[in-house]
Amino acid sequence: PTGTYVDMCSKLPVVDPHNIRAATLIMRGEFDGIASLDDLIQFY
């Protein structure tokens, strides 16, 4: 399906961190190109 690609290319953000109540672990591969480190730290 193309839906997740469309969302990730044109509709981000689709998640609001303020609404996530659970204990959370963010895992980022050293070389992963899907998100910048700054983007993830802002979310965290």
PDB file of all heavy atoms in Angstrom:
ATOM      1  N   PRO A   1       0.824  -1.208   0.000  1.00  0.00           N
ATOM      2  CA  PRO A   1       0.000   0.000   0.000  1.00  0.00           C
ATOM      3  C   PRO A   1       0.861   1.261   0.000  1.00  0.00           C
ATOM      4  O   PRO A   1       1.978   1.270   0.512  1.00  0.00           O
ATOM      5  CB  PRO A   1      -0.785  -0.116   1.310  1.00  0.00           C
ATOM      6  CG  PRO A   1      -0.759  -1.569   1.666  1.00  0.00           C
ATOM      7  CD  PRO A   1       0.560  -2.068   1.172  1.00  0.00           C
ATOM      8  N   THR A   2       0.318   2.326  -0.566  1.00  0.00           N
ATOM      9  CA  THR A   2       1.044   3.605  -0.613  1.00  0.00           C
ATOM     10  C   THR A   2       0.693   4.532   0.551  1.00  0.00           C
ATOM     11  O   THR A   2       1.343   5.566   0.733  1.00  0.00           O
ATOM     12  CB  THR A   2       0.725   4.356  -1.926  1.00  0.00           C
ATOM     13  OG1 THR A   2      -0.704   4.496  -2.035  1.00  0.00           O
ATOM     14  CG2 THR A   2       1.264   3.617  -3.132  1.00  0.00           C
ATOM     15  N   GLY A   3      -0.302   4.172   1.347  1.00  0.00           N
ATOM     16  CA  GLY A   3      -0.840   5.110   2.342  1.00  0.00           C
ATOM     17  C   GLY A   3       0.165   5.621   3.347  1.00  0.00           C
ATOM     18  O   GLY A   3       0.193   6.821   3.661  1.00  0.00           O
ATOM     19  N   THR A   4       1.008   4.723   3.867  1.00  0.00           N
ATOM     20  CA  THR A   4       1.978   5.176   4.874  1.00  0.00           C
ATOM     21  C   THR A   4       3.027   6.087   4.240  1.00  0.00           C
ATOM     22  O   THR A   4       3.480   7.049   4.861  1.00  0.00           O
ATOM     23  CB  THR A   4       2.661   3.981   5.554  1.00  0.00           C
ATOM     24  OG1 THR A   4       3.287   3.162   4.562  1.00  0.00           O
ATOM     25  CG2 THR A   4       1.650   3.143   6.324  1.00  0.00           C
ATOM     26  N   TYR A   5       3.404   5.821   2.985  1.00  0.00           N
ATOM     27  CA  TYR A   5       4.355   6.694   2.290  1.00  0.00           C
ATOM     28  C   TYR A   5       3.751   8.080   2.084  1.00  0.00           C
ATOM     29  O   TYR A   5       4.424   9.099   2.277  1.00  0.00           O
ATOM     30  CB  TYR A   5       4.728   6.088   0.932  1.00  0.00           C
ATOM     31  CG  TYR A   5       5.892   5.135   0.935  1.00  0.00           C
ATOM     32  CD1 TYR A   5       6.265   4.440   2.091  1.00  0.00           C
ATOM     33  CD2 TYR A   5       6.630   4.915  -0.223  1.00  0.00           C
ATOM     34  CE1 TYR A   5       7.337   3.565   2.084  1.00  0.00           C
ATOM     35  CE2 TYR A   5       7.714   4.042  -0.240  1.00  0.00           C
ATOM     36  CZ  TYR A   5       8.060   3.367   0.900  1.00  0.00           C
ATOM     37  OH  TYR A   5       9.123   2.504   0.885  1.00  0.00           O
ATOM     38  N   VAL A   6       2.479   8.112   1.656  1.00  0.00           N
ATOM     39  CA  VAL A   6       1.808   9.404   1.454  1.00  0.00           C
ATOM     40  C   VAL A   6       1.780  10.193   2.765  1.00  0.00           C
ATOM     41  O   VAL A   6       2.105  11.387   2.808  1.00  0.00           O
ATOM     42  CB  VAL A   6       0.375   9.200   0.913  1.00  0.00           C
ATOM     43  CG1 VAL A   6      -0.416  10.507   0.952  1.00  0.00           C
ATOM     44  CG2 VAL A   6       0.421   8.655  -0.511  1.00  0.00           C
ATOM     45  N   ASP A   7       1.411   9.517   3.848  1.00  0.00           N
ATOM     46  CA  ASP A   7       1.364  10.185   5.154  1.00  0.00           C
ATOM     47  C   ASP A   7       2.728  10.716   5.566  1.00  0.00           C
ATOM     48  O   ASP A   7       2.860  11.855   6.036  1.00  0.00           O
ATOM     49  CB  ASP A   7       0.855   9.219   6.228  1.00  0.00           C
ATOM     50  CG  ASP A   7      -0.640   8.970   6.146  1.00  0.00           C
ATOM     51  OD1 ASP A   7      -1.294   9.552   5.252  1.00  0.00           O
ATOM     52  OD2 ASP A   7      -1.158   8.198   6.970  1.00  0.00           O
ATOM     53  N   MET A   8       3.770   9.894   5.406  1.00  0.00           N
ATOM     54  CA  MET A   8       5.103  10.273   5.873  1.00  0.00           C
ATOM     55  C   MET A   8       5.725  11.353   4.983  1.00  0.00           C
ATOM     56  O   MET A   8       6.569  12.123   5.438  1.00  0.00           O
ATOM     57  CB  MET A   8       6.003   9.041   5.960  1.00  0.00           C
ATOM     58  CG  MET A   8       5.541   8.071   7.047  1.00  0.00           C
ATOM     59  SD  MET A   8       6.337   6.458   6.967  1.00  0.00           S
ATOM     60  CE  MET A   8       7.859   6.780   7.849  1.00  0.00           C
ATOM     61  N   CYS A   9       5.288  11.427   3.724  1.00  0.00           N
ATOM     62  CA  CYS A   9       5.825  12.443   2.805  1.00  0.00           C
ATOM     63  C   CYS A   9       5.057  13.758   2.853  1.00  0.00           C
ATOM     64  O   CYS A   9       5.603  14.801   2.489  1.00  0.00           O
ATOM     65  CB  CYS A   9       5.802  11.928   1.372  1.00  0.00           C
ATOM     66  SG  CYS A   9       7.008  10.642   1.029  1.00  0.00           S
ATOM     67  N   SER A  10       3.767  13.717   3.253  1.00  0.00           N
ATOM     68  CA  SER A  10       2.955  14.926   3.075  1.00  0.00           C
ATOM     69  C   SER A  10       2.061  15.291   4.254  1.00  0.00           C
ATOM     70  O   SER A  10       1.458  16.364   4.239  1.00  0.00           O
ATOM     71  CB  SER A  10       2.069  14.758   1.834  1.00  0.00           C
ATOM     72  OG  SER A  10       1.138  13.705   1.995  1.00  0.00           O
ATOM     73  N   LYS A  11       1.962  14.436   5.284  1.00  0.00           N
ATOM     74  CA  LYS A  11       0.980  14.716   6.341  1.00  0.00           C
ATOM     75  C   LYS A  11       1.567  14.758   7.746  1.00  0.00           C
ATOM     76  O   LYS A  11       0.824  14.887   8.719  1.00  0.00           O
ATOM     77  CB  LYS A  11      -0.142  13.670   6.286  1.00  0.00           C
ATOM     78  CG  LYS A  11      -0.925  13.717   4.984  1.00  0.00           C
ATOM     79  CD  LYS A  11      -2.085  12.748   4.975  1.00  0.00           C
ATOM     80  CE  LYS A  11      -2.833  12.817   3.644  1.00  0.00           C
ATOM     81  NZ  LYS A  11      -3.963  11.852   3.598  1.00  0.00           N
ATOM     82  N   LEU A  12       2.876  14.656   7.875  1.00  0.00           N
ATOM     83  CA  LEU A  12       3.470  14.715   9.216  1.00  0.00           C
ATOM     84  C   LEU A  12       3.317  16.109   9.811  1.00  0.00           C
ATOM     85  O   LEU A  12       3.351  17.096   9.079  1.00  0.00           O
ATOM     86  CB  LEU A  12       4.960  14.345   9.146  1.00  0.00           C
ATOM     87  CG  LEU A  12       5.272  12.906   8.759  1.00  0.00           C
ATOM     88  CD1 LEU A  12       6.786  12.697   8.685  1.00  0.00           C
ATOM     89  CD2 LEU A  12       4.659  11.901   9.723  1.00  0.00           C
ATOM     90  N   PRO A  13       3.183  16.231  11.143  1.00  0.00           N
ATOM     91  CA  PRO A  13       3.102  15.119  12.092  1.00  0.00           C
ATOM     92  C   PRO A  13       1.696  14.513  12.169  1.00  0.00           C
ATOM     93  O   PRO A  13       0.708  15.229  12.026  1.00  0.00           O
ATOM     94  CB  PRO A  13       3.465  15.783  13.423  1.00  0.00           C
ATOM     95  CG  PRO A  13       3.024  17.206  13.273  1.00  0.00           C
ATOM     96  CD  PRO A  13       3.211  17.544  11.822  1.00  0.00           C
ATOM     97  N   VAL A  14       1.667  13.201  12.389  1.00  0.00           N
ATOM     98  CA  VAL A  14       0.383  12.514  12.571  1.00  0.00           C
ATOM     99  C   VAL A  14       0.191  12.071  14.019  1.00  0.00           C
ATOM    100  O   VAL A  14      -0.837  11.487  14.360  1.00  0.00           O
ATOM    101  CB  VAL A  14       0.245  11.305  11.623  1.00  0.00           C
ATOM    102  CG1 VAL A  14       0.232  11.752  10.174  1.00  0.00           C
ATOM    103  CG2 VAL A  14       1.342  10.274  11.869  1.00  0.00           C
ATOM    104  N   VAL A  15       1.187  12.344  14.850  1.00  0.00           N
ATOM    105  CA  VAL A  15       1.145  11.955  16.265  1.00  0.00           C
ATOM    106  C   VAL A  15       1.453  13.169  17.128  1.00  0.00           C
ATOM    107  O   VAL A  15       2.327  13.971  16.786  1.00  0.00           O
ATOM    108  CB  VAL A  15       2.181  10.837  16.540  1.00  0.00           C
ATOM    109  CG1 VAL A  15       2.245  10.503  18.016  1.00  0.00           C
ATOM    110  CG2 VAL A  15       1.866   9.587  15.727  1.00  0.00           C
ATOM    111  N   ASP A  16       0.743  13.305  18.243  1.00  0.00           N
ATOM    112  CA  ASP A  16       0.994  14.388  19.201  1.00  0.00           C
ATOM    113  C   ASP A  16       1.626  13.800  20.458  1.00  0.00           C
ATOM    114  O   ASP A  16       0.981  13.061  21.195  1.00  0.00           O
ATOM    115  CB  ASP A  16      -0.323  15.086  19.564  1.00  0.00           C
ATOM    116  CG  ASP A  16      -0.106  16.296  20.470  1.00  0.00           C
ATOM    117  OD1 ASP A  16       1.003  16.449  21.035  1.00  0.00           O
ATOM    118  OD2 ASP A  16      -1.059  17.080  20.635  1.00  0.00           O
ATOM    119  N   PRO A  17       2.910  14.098  20.712  1.00  0.00           N
ATOM    120  CA  PRO A  17       3.580  13.490  21.870  1.00  0.00           C
ATOM    121  C   PRO A  17       2.901  13.807  23.197  1.00  0.00           C
ATOM    122  O   PRO A  17       2.949  12.996  24.136  1.00  0.00           O
ATOM    123  CB  PRO A  17       4.994  14.087  21.816  1.00  0.00           C
ATOM    124  CG  PRO A  17       4.870  15.316  20.970  1.00  0.00           C
ATOM    125  CD  PRO A  17       3.782  15.036  19.992  1.00  0.00           C
ATOM    126  N   HIS A  18       2.247  14.946  23.299  1.00  0.00           N
ATOM    127  CA  HIS A  18       1.602  15.329  24.561  1.00  0.00           C
ATOM    128  C   HIS A  18       0.497  14.355  24.958  1.00  0.00           C
ATOM    129  O   HIS A  18       0.112  14.288  26.121  1.00  0.00           O
ATOM    130  CB  HIS A  18       1.021  16.746  24.452  1.00  0.00           C
ATOM    131  CG  HIS A  18       2.046  17.790  24.173  1.00  0.00           C
ATOM    132  ND1 HIS A  18       2.264  18.290  22.901  1.00  0.00           N
ATOM    133  CD2 HIS A  18       2.935  18.426  24.981  1.00  0.00           C
ATOM    134  CE1 HIS A  18       3.228  19.197  22.955  1.00  0.00           C
ATOM    135  NE2 HIS A  18       3.650  19.302  24.192  1.00  0.00           N
ATOM    136  N   ASN A  19      -0.026  13.599  23.982  1.00  0.00           N
ATOM    137  CA  ASN A  19      -1.132  12.678  24.252  1.00  0.00           C
ATOM    138  C   ASN A  19      -0.687  11.253  24.536  1.00  0.00           C
ATOM    139  O   ASN A  19      -1.521  10.367  24.718  1.00  0.00           O
ATOM    140  CB  ASN A  19      -2.099  12.662  23.055  1.00  0.00           C
ATOM    141  CG  ASN A  19      -2.775  13.997  22.859  1.00  0.00           C
ATOM    142  OD1 ASN A  19      -2.932  14.763  23.800  1.00  0.00           O
ATOM    143  ND2 ASN A  19      -3.167  14.283  21.624  1.00  0.00           N
ATOM    144  N   ILE A  20       0.627  11.022  24.544  1.00  0.00           N
ATOM    145  CA  ILE A  20       1.131   9.666  24.801  1.00  0.00           C
ATOM    146  C   ILE A  20       1.491   9.546  26.277  1.00  0.00           C
ATOM    147  O   ILE A  20       2.426  10.196  26.752  1.00  0.00           O
ATOM    148  CB  ILE A  20       2.330   9.351  23.897  1.00  0.00           C
ATOM    149  CG1 ILE A  20       1.863   9.327  22.440  1.00  0.00           C
ATOM    150  CG2 ILE A  20       2.964   8.024  24.284  1.00  0.00           C
ATOM    151  CD1 ILE A  20       2.967   9.146  21.434  1.00  0.00           C
ATOM    152  N   ARG A  21       0.735   8.743  26.996  1.00  0.00           N
ATOM    153  CA  ARG A  21       0.880   8.632  28.451  1.00  0.00           C
ATOM    154  C   ARG A  21       1.783   7.484  28.875  1.00  0.00           C
ATOM    155  O   ARG A  21       2.283   7.470  29.998  1.00  0.00           O
ATOM    156  CB  ARG A  21      -0.505   8.446  29.087  1.00  0.00           C
ATOM    157  CG  ARG A  21      -1.490   9.572  28.780  1.00  0.00           C
ATOM    158  CD  ARG A  21      -1.073  10.866  29.433  1.00  0.00           C
ATOM    159  NE  ARG A  21      -1.740  12.039  28.878  1.00  0.00           N
ATOM    160  CZ  ARG A  21      -1.414  13.285  29.180  1.00  0.00           C
ATOM    161  NH1 ARG A  21      -0.418  13.530  30.015  1.00  0.00           N
ATOM    162  NH2 ARG A  21      -2.055  14.301  28.632  1.00  0.00           N
ATOM    163  N   ALA A  22       1.968   6.498  28.010  1.00  0.00           N
ATOM    164  CA  ALA A  22       2.714   5.295  28.386  1.00  0.00           C
ATOM    165  C   ALA A  22       4.198   5.600  28.566  1.00  0.00           C
ATOM    166  O   ALA A  22       4.735   6.556  27.985  1.00  0.00           O
ATOM    167  CB  ALA A  22       2.544   4.230  27.305  1.00  0.00           C
ATOM    168  N   ALA A  23       4.866   4.768  29.362  1.00  0.00           N
ATOM    169  CA  ALA A  23       6.328   4.774  29.381  1.00  0.00           C
ATOM    170  C   ALA A  23       6.810   4.531  27.955  1.00  0.00           C
ATOM    171  O   ALA A  23       6.295   3.641  27.268  1.00  0.00           O
ATOM    172  CB  ALA A  23       6.838   3.682  30.314  1.00  0.00           C
ATOM    173  N   THR A  24       7.778   5.327  27.492  1.00  0.00           N
ATOM    174  CA  THR A  24       8.144   5.301  26.072  1.00  0.00           C
ATOM    175  C   THR A  24       9.654   5.209  25.891  1.00  0.00           C
ATOM    176  O   THR A  24      10.418   5.886  26.581  1.00  0.00           O
ATOM    177  CB  THR A  24       7.616   6.565  25.357  1.00  0.00           C
ATOM    178  OG1 THR A  24       6.190   6.633  25.514  1.00  0.00           O
ATOM    179  CG2 THR A  24       7.944   6.538  23.872  1.00  0.00           C
ATOM    180  N   LEU A  25      10.056   4.372  24.935  1.00  0.00           N
ATOM    181  CA  LEU A  25      11.449   4.257  24.509  1.00  0.00           C
ATOM    182  C   LEU A  25      11.537   4.678  23.043  1.00  0.00           C
ATOM    183  O   LEU A  25      10.832   4.145  22.195  1.00  0.00           O
ATOM    184  CB  LEU A  25      11.918   2.797  24.654  1.00  0.00           C
ATOM    185  CG  LEU A  25      13.236   2.407  23.962  1.00  0.00           C
ATOM    186  CD1 LEU A  25      14.425   3.152  24.574  1.00  0.00           C
ATOM    187  CD2 LEU A  25      13.447   0.895  24.035  1.00  0.00           C
ATOM    188  N   ILE A  26      12.393   5.646  22.752  1.00  0.00           N
ATOM    189  CA  ILE A  26      12.704   6.028  21.378  1.00  0.00           C
ATOM    190  C   ILE A  26      14.013   5.340  20.997  1.00  0.00           C
ATOM    191  O   ILE A  26      15.023   5.498  21.683  1.00  0.00           O
ATOM    192  CB  ILE A  26      12.873   7.557  21.237  1.00  0.00           C
ATOM    193  CG1 ILE A  26      11.656   8.316  21.774  1.00  0.00           C
ATOM    194  CG2 ILE A  26      13.165   7.925  19.783  1.00  0.00           C
ATOM    195  CD1 ILE A  26      10.419   8.218  20.954  1.00  0.00           C
ATOM    196  N   MET A  27      13.984   4.565  19.905  1.00  0.00           N
ATOM    197  CA  MET A  27      15.164   3.836  19.436  1.00  0.00           C
ATOM    198  C   MET A  27      15.559   4.394  18.076  1.00  0.00           C
ATOM    199  O   MET A  27      14.751   4.379  17.147  1.00  0.00           O
ATOM    200  CB  MET A  27      14.847   2.339  19.321  1.00  0.00           C
ATOM    201  CG  MET A  27      14.323   1.729  20.609  1.00  0.00           C
ATOM    202  SD  MET A  27      13.560   0.096  20.368  1.00  0.00           S
ATOM    203  CE  MET A  27      14.997  -0.903  20.011  1.00  0.00           C
ATOM    204  N   ARG A  28      16.799   4.874  17.965  1.00  0.00           N
ATOM    205  CA  ARG A  28      17.239   5.426  16.679  1.00  0.00           C
ATOM    206  C   ARG A  28      18.539   4.773  16.238  1.00  0.00           C
ATOM    207  O   ARG A  28      19.545   4.813  16.938  1.00  0.00           O
ATOM    208  CB  ARG A  28      17.452   6.935  16.764  1.00  0.00           C
ATOM    209  CG  ARG A  28      17.783   7.542  15.404  1.00  0.00           C
ATOM    210  CD  ARG A  28      18.189   8.993  15.466  1.00  0.00           C
ATOM    211  NE  ARG A  28      18.280   9.553  14.126  1.00  0.00           N
ATOM    212  CZ  ARG A  28      19.361   9.466  13.341  1.00  0.00           C
ATOM    213  NH1 ARG A  28      20.434   8.815  13.754  1.00  0.00           N
ATOM    214  NH2 ARG A  28      19.355  10.010  12.133  1.00  0.00           N
ATOM    215  N   GLY A  29      18.515   4.152  15.064  1.00  0.00           N
ATOM    216  CA  GLY A  29      19.742   3.618  14.493  1.00  0.00           C
ATOM    217  C   GLY A  29      20.712   4.737  14.173  1.00  0.00           C
ATOM    218  O   GLY A  29      20.314   5.808  13.700  1.00  0.00           O
ATOM    219  N   GLU A  30      21.983   4.483  14.421  1.00  0.00           N
ATOM    220  CA  GLU A  30      23.019   5.499  14.183  1.00  0.00           C
ATOM    221  C   GLU A  30      22.945   6.066  12.771  1.00  0.00           C
ATOM    222  O   GLU A  30      23.124   7.275  12.569  1.00  0.00           O
ATOM    223  CB  GLU A  30      24.400   4.858  14.399  1.00  0.00           C
ATOM    224  CG  GLU A  30      25.562   5.783  14.133  1.00  0.00           C
ATOM    225  CD  GLU A  30      26.908   5.089  14.223  1.00  0.00           C
ATOM    226  OE1 GLU A  30      26.947   3.856  14.413  1.00  0.00           O
ATOM    227  OE2 GLU A  30      27.934   5.793  14.094  1.00  0.00           O
ATOM    228  N   PHE A  31      22.662   5.214  11.785  1.00  0.00           N
ATOM    229  CA  PHE A  31      22.696   5.640  10.385  1.00  0.00           C
ATOM    230  C   PHE A  31      21.302   5.781   9.771  1.00  0.00           C
ATOM    231  O   PHE A  31      21.189   5.965   8.557  1.00  0.00           O
ATOM    232  CB  PHE A  31      23.499   4.621   9.561  1.00  0.00           C
ATOM    233  CG  PHE A  31      24.901   4.423  10.051  1.00  0.00           C
ATOM    234  CD1 PHE A  31      25.328   3.171  10.479  1.00  0.00           C
ATOM    235  CD2 PHE A  31      25.805   5.477  10.085  1.00  0.00           C
ATOM    236  CE1 PHE A  31      26.631   2.969  10.924  1.00  0.00           C
ATOM    237  CE2 PHE A  31      27.109   5.297  10.539  1.00  0.00           C
ATOM    238  CZ  PHE A  31      27.520   4.039  10.965  1.00  0.00           C
ATOM    239  N   ASP A  32      20.250   5.691  10.565  1.00  0.00           N
ATOM    240  CA  ASP A  32      18.900   5.713  10.005  1.00  0.00           C
ATOM    241  C   ASP A  32      18.585   7.069   9.388  1.00  0.00           C
ATOM    242  O   ASP A  32      18.778   8.107  10.014  1.00  0.00           O
ATOM    243  CB  ASP A  32      17.882   5.377  11.094  1.00  0.00           C
ATOM    244  CG  ASP A  32      16.472   5.221  10.547  1.00  0.00           C
ATOM    245  OD1 ASP A  32      16.345   4.931   9.352  1.00  0.00           O
ATOM    246  OD2 ASP A  32      15.516   5.381  11.318  1.00  0.00           O
ATOM    247  N   GLY A  33      18.060   7.056   8.150  1.00  0.00           N
ATOM    248  CA  GLY A  33      17.773   8.303   7.456  1.00  0.00           C
ATOM    249  C   GLY A  33      16.323   8.745   7.531  1.00  0.00           C
ATOM    250  O   GLY A  33      15.951   9.752   6.920  1.00  0.00           O
ATOM    251  N   ILE A  34      15.493   8.028   8.266  1.00  0.00           N
ATOM    252  CA  ILE A  34      14.060   8.346   8.262  1.00  0.00           C
ATOM    253  C   ILE A  34      13.752   9.567   9.127  1.00  0.00           C
ATOM    254  O   ILE A  34      12.764  10.261   8.909  1.00  0.00           O
ATOM    255  CB  ILE A  34      13.212   7.130   8.687  1.00  0.00           C
ATOM    256  CG1 ILE A  34      11.813   7.183   8.048  1.00  0.00           C
ATOM    257  CG2 ILE A  34      13.106   7.002  10.187  1.00  0.00           C
ATOM    258  CD1 ILE A  34      11.755   6.718   6.629  1.00  0.00           C
ATOM    259  N   ALA A  35      14.564   9.840  10.143  1.00  0.00           N
ATOM    260  CA  ALA A  35      14.332  11.013  11.000  1.00  0.00           C
ATOM    261  C   ALA A  35      15.652  11.603  11.452  1.00  0.00           C
ATOM    262  O   ALA A  35      16.597  10.878  11.753  1.00  0.00           O
ATOM    263  CB  ALA A  35      13.498  10.631  12.222  1.00  0.00           C
ATOM    264  N   SER A  36      15.702  12.911  11.524  1.00  0.00           N
ATOM    265  CA  SER A  36      16.885  13.564  12.080  1.00  0.00           C
ATOM    266  C   SER A  36      16.881  13.398  13.597  1.00  0.00           C
ATOM    267  O   SER A  36      15.827  13.236  14.226  1.00  0.00           O
ATOM    268  CB  SER A  36      16.895  15.051  11.729  1.00  0.00           C
ATOM    269  OG  SER A  36      15.840  15.718  12.419  1.00  0.00           O
ATOM    270  N   LEU A  37      18.057  13.430  14.171  1.00  0.00           N
ATOM    271  CA  LEU A  37      18.178  13.318  15.628  1.00  0.00           C
ATOM    272  C   LEU A  37      17.421  14.453  16.311  1.00  0.00           C
ATOM    273  O   LEU A  37      16.713  14.247  17.305  1.00  0.00           O
ATOM    274  CB  LEU A  37      19.661  13.343  16.014  1.00  0.00           C
ATOM    275  CG  LEU A  37      19.992  13.085  17.479  1.00  0.00           C
ATOM    276  CD1 LEU A  37      19.427  11.755  17.954  1.00  0.00           C
ATOM    277  CD2 LEU A  37      21.499  13.136  17.686  1.00  0.00           C
ATOM    278  N   ASP A  38      17.516  15.642  15.762  1.00  0.00           N
ATOM    279  CA  ASP A  38      16.835  16.798  16.358  1.00  0.00           C
ATOM    280  C   ASP A  38      15.317  16.611  16.362  1.00  0.00           C
ATOM    281  O   ASP A  38      14.640  16.945  17.338  1.00  0.00           O
ATOM    282  CB  ASP A  38      17.204  18.073  15.591  1.00  0.00           C
ATOM    283  CG  ASP A  38      16.673  19.319  16.276  1.00  0.00           C
ATOM    284  OD1 ASP A  38      16.997  19.525  17.451  1.00  0.00           O
ATOM    285  OD2 ASP A  38      15.914  20.067  15.638  1.00  0.00           O
ATOM    286  N   ASP A  39      14.778  16.066  15.283  1.00  0.00           N
ATOM    287  CA  ASP A  39      13.333  15.814  15.191  1.00  0.00           C
ATOM    288  C   ASP A  39      12.884  14.886  16.330  1.00  0.00           C
ATOM    289  O   ASP A  39      11.871  15.141  16.994  1.00  0.00           O
ATOM    290  CB  ASP A  39      13.031  15.183  13.830  1.00  0.00           C
ATOM    291  CG  ASP A  39      11.540  15.039  13.549  1.00  0.00           C
ATOM    292  OD1 ASP A  39      10.810  16.034  13.693  1.00  0.00           O
ATOM    293  OD2 ASP A  39      11.112  13.940  13.160  1.00  0.00           O
ATOM    294  N   LEU A  40      13.655  13.836  16.557  1.00  0.00           N
ATOM    295  CA  LEU A  40      13.281  12.861  17.588  1.00  0.00           C
ATOM    296  C   LEU A  40      13.459  13.426  18.994  1.00  0.00           C
ATOM    297  O   LEU A  40      12.644  13.145  19.888  1.00  0.00           O
ATOM    298  CB  LEU A  40      14.131  11.593  17.427  1.00  0.00           C
ATOM    299  CG  LEU A  40      13.876  10.802  16.141  1.00  0.00           C
ATOM    300  CD1 LEU A  40      14.840   9.628  16.048  1.00  0.00           C
ATOM    301  CD2 LEU A  40      12.438  10.309  16.086  1.00  0.00           C
ATOM    302  N   ILE A  41      14.496  14.208  19.195  1.00  0.00           N
ATOM    303  CA  ILE A  41      14.710  14.790  20.535  1.00  0.00           C
ATOM    304  C   ILE A  41      13.597  15.780  20.862  1.00  0.00           C
ATOM    305  O   ILE A  41      13.118  15.831  21.999  1.00  0.00           O
ATOM    306  CB  ILE A  41      16.115  15.435  20.618  1.00  0.00           C
ATOM    307  CG1 ILE A  41      17.176  14.328  20.651  1.00  0.00           C
ATOM    308  CG2 ILE A  41      16.232  16.339  21.845  1.00  0.00           C
ATOM    309  CD1 ILE A  41      18.600  14.816  20.558  1.00  0.00           C
ATOM    310  N   GLN A  42      13.167  16.544  19.879  1.00  0.00           N
ATOM    311  CA  GLN A  42      12.038  17.473  20.102  1.00  0.00           C
ATOM    312  C   GLN A  42      10.785  16.689  20.515  1.00  0.00           C
ATOM    313  O   GLN A  42      10.041  17.109  21.401  1.00  0.00           O
ATOM    314  CB  GLN A  42      11.751  18.250  18.815  1.00  0.00           C
ATOM    315  CG  GLN A  42      12.855  19.178  18.376  1.00  0.00           C
ATOM    316  CD  GLN A  42      12.895  20.478  19.163  1.00  0.00           C
ATOM    317  OE1 GLN A  42      11.876  20.947  19.637  1.00  0.00           O
ATOM    318  NE2 GLN A  42      14.080  21.043  19.306  1.00  0.00           N
ATOM    319  N   PHE A  43      10.542  15.568  19.862  1.00  0.00           N
ATOM    320  CA  PHE A  43       9.402  14.718  20.211  1.00  0.00           C
ATOM    321  C   PHE A  43       9.562  14.178  21.634  1.00  0.00           C
ATOM    322  O   PHE A  43       8.638  14.248  22.453  1.00  0.00           O
ATOM    323  CB  PHE A  43       9.302  13.560  19.211  1.00  0.00           C
ATOM    324  CG  PHE A  43       8.155  12.617  19.458  1.00  0.00           C
ATOM    325  CD1 PHE A  43       6.905  12.867  18.901  1.00  0.00           C
ATOM    326  CD2 PHE A  43       8.317  11.475  20.226  1.00  0.00           C
ATOM    327  CE1 PHE A  43       5.842  11.999  19.127  1.00  0.00           C
ATOM    328  CE2 PHE A  43       7.260  10.602  20.452  1.00  0.00           C
ATOM    329  CZ  PHE A  43       6.022  10.868  19.896  1.00  0.00           C
ATOM    330  N   TYR A  44      10.747  13.659  21.916  1.00  0.00           N
ATOM    331  CA  TYR A  44      11.048  13.062  23.222  1.00  0.00           C
ATOM    332  C   TYR A  44      10.829  14.065  24.352  1.00  0.00           C
ATOM    333  O   TYR A  44      10.252  13.728  25.395  1.00  0.00           O
ATOM    334  CB  TYR A  44      12.496  12.569  23.197  1.00  0.00           C
ATOM    335  CG  TYR A  44      12.980  11.960  24.484  1.00  0.00           C
ATOM    336  CD1 TYR A  44      12.701  10.638  24.802  1.00  0.00           C
ATOM    337  CD2 TYR A  44      13.762  12.699  25.375  1.00  0.00           C
ATOM    338  CE1 TYR A  44      13.166  10.065  25.972  1.00  0.00           C
ATOM    339  CE2 TYR A  44      14.232  12.137  26.541  1.00  0.00           C
ATOM    340  CZ  TYR A  44      13.932  10.825  26.842  1.00  0.00           C
ATOM    341  OH  TYR A  44      14.403  10.258  28.021  1.00  0.00           O
TER     342      TYR A  44
END
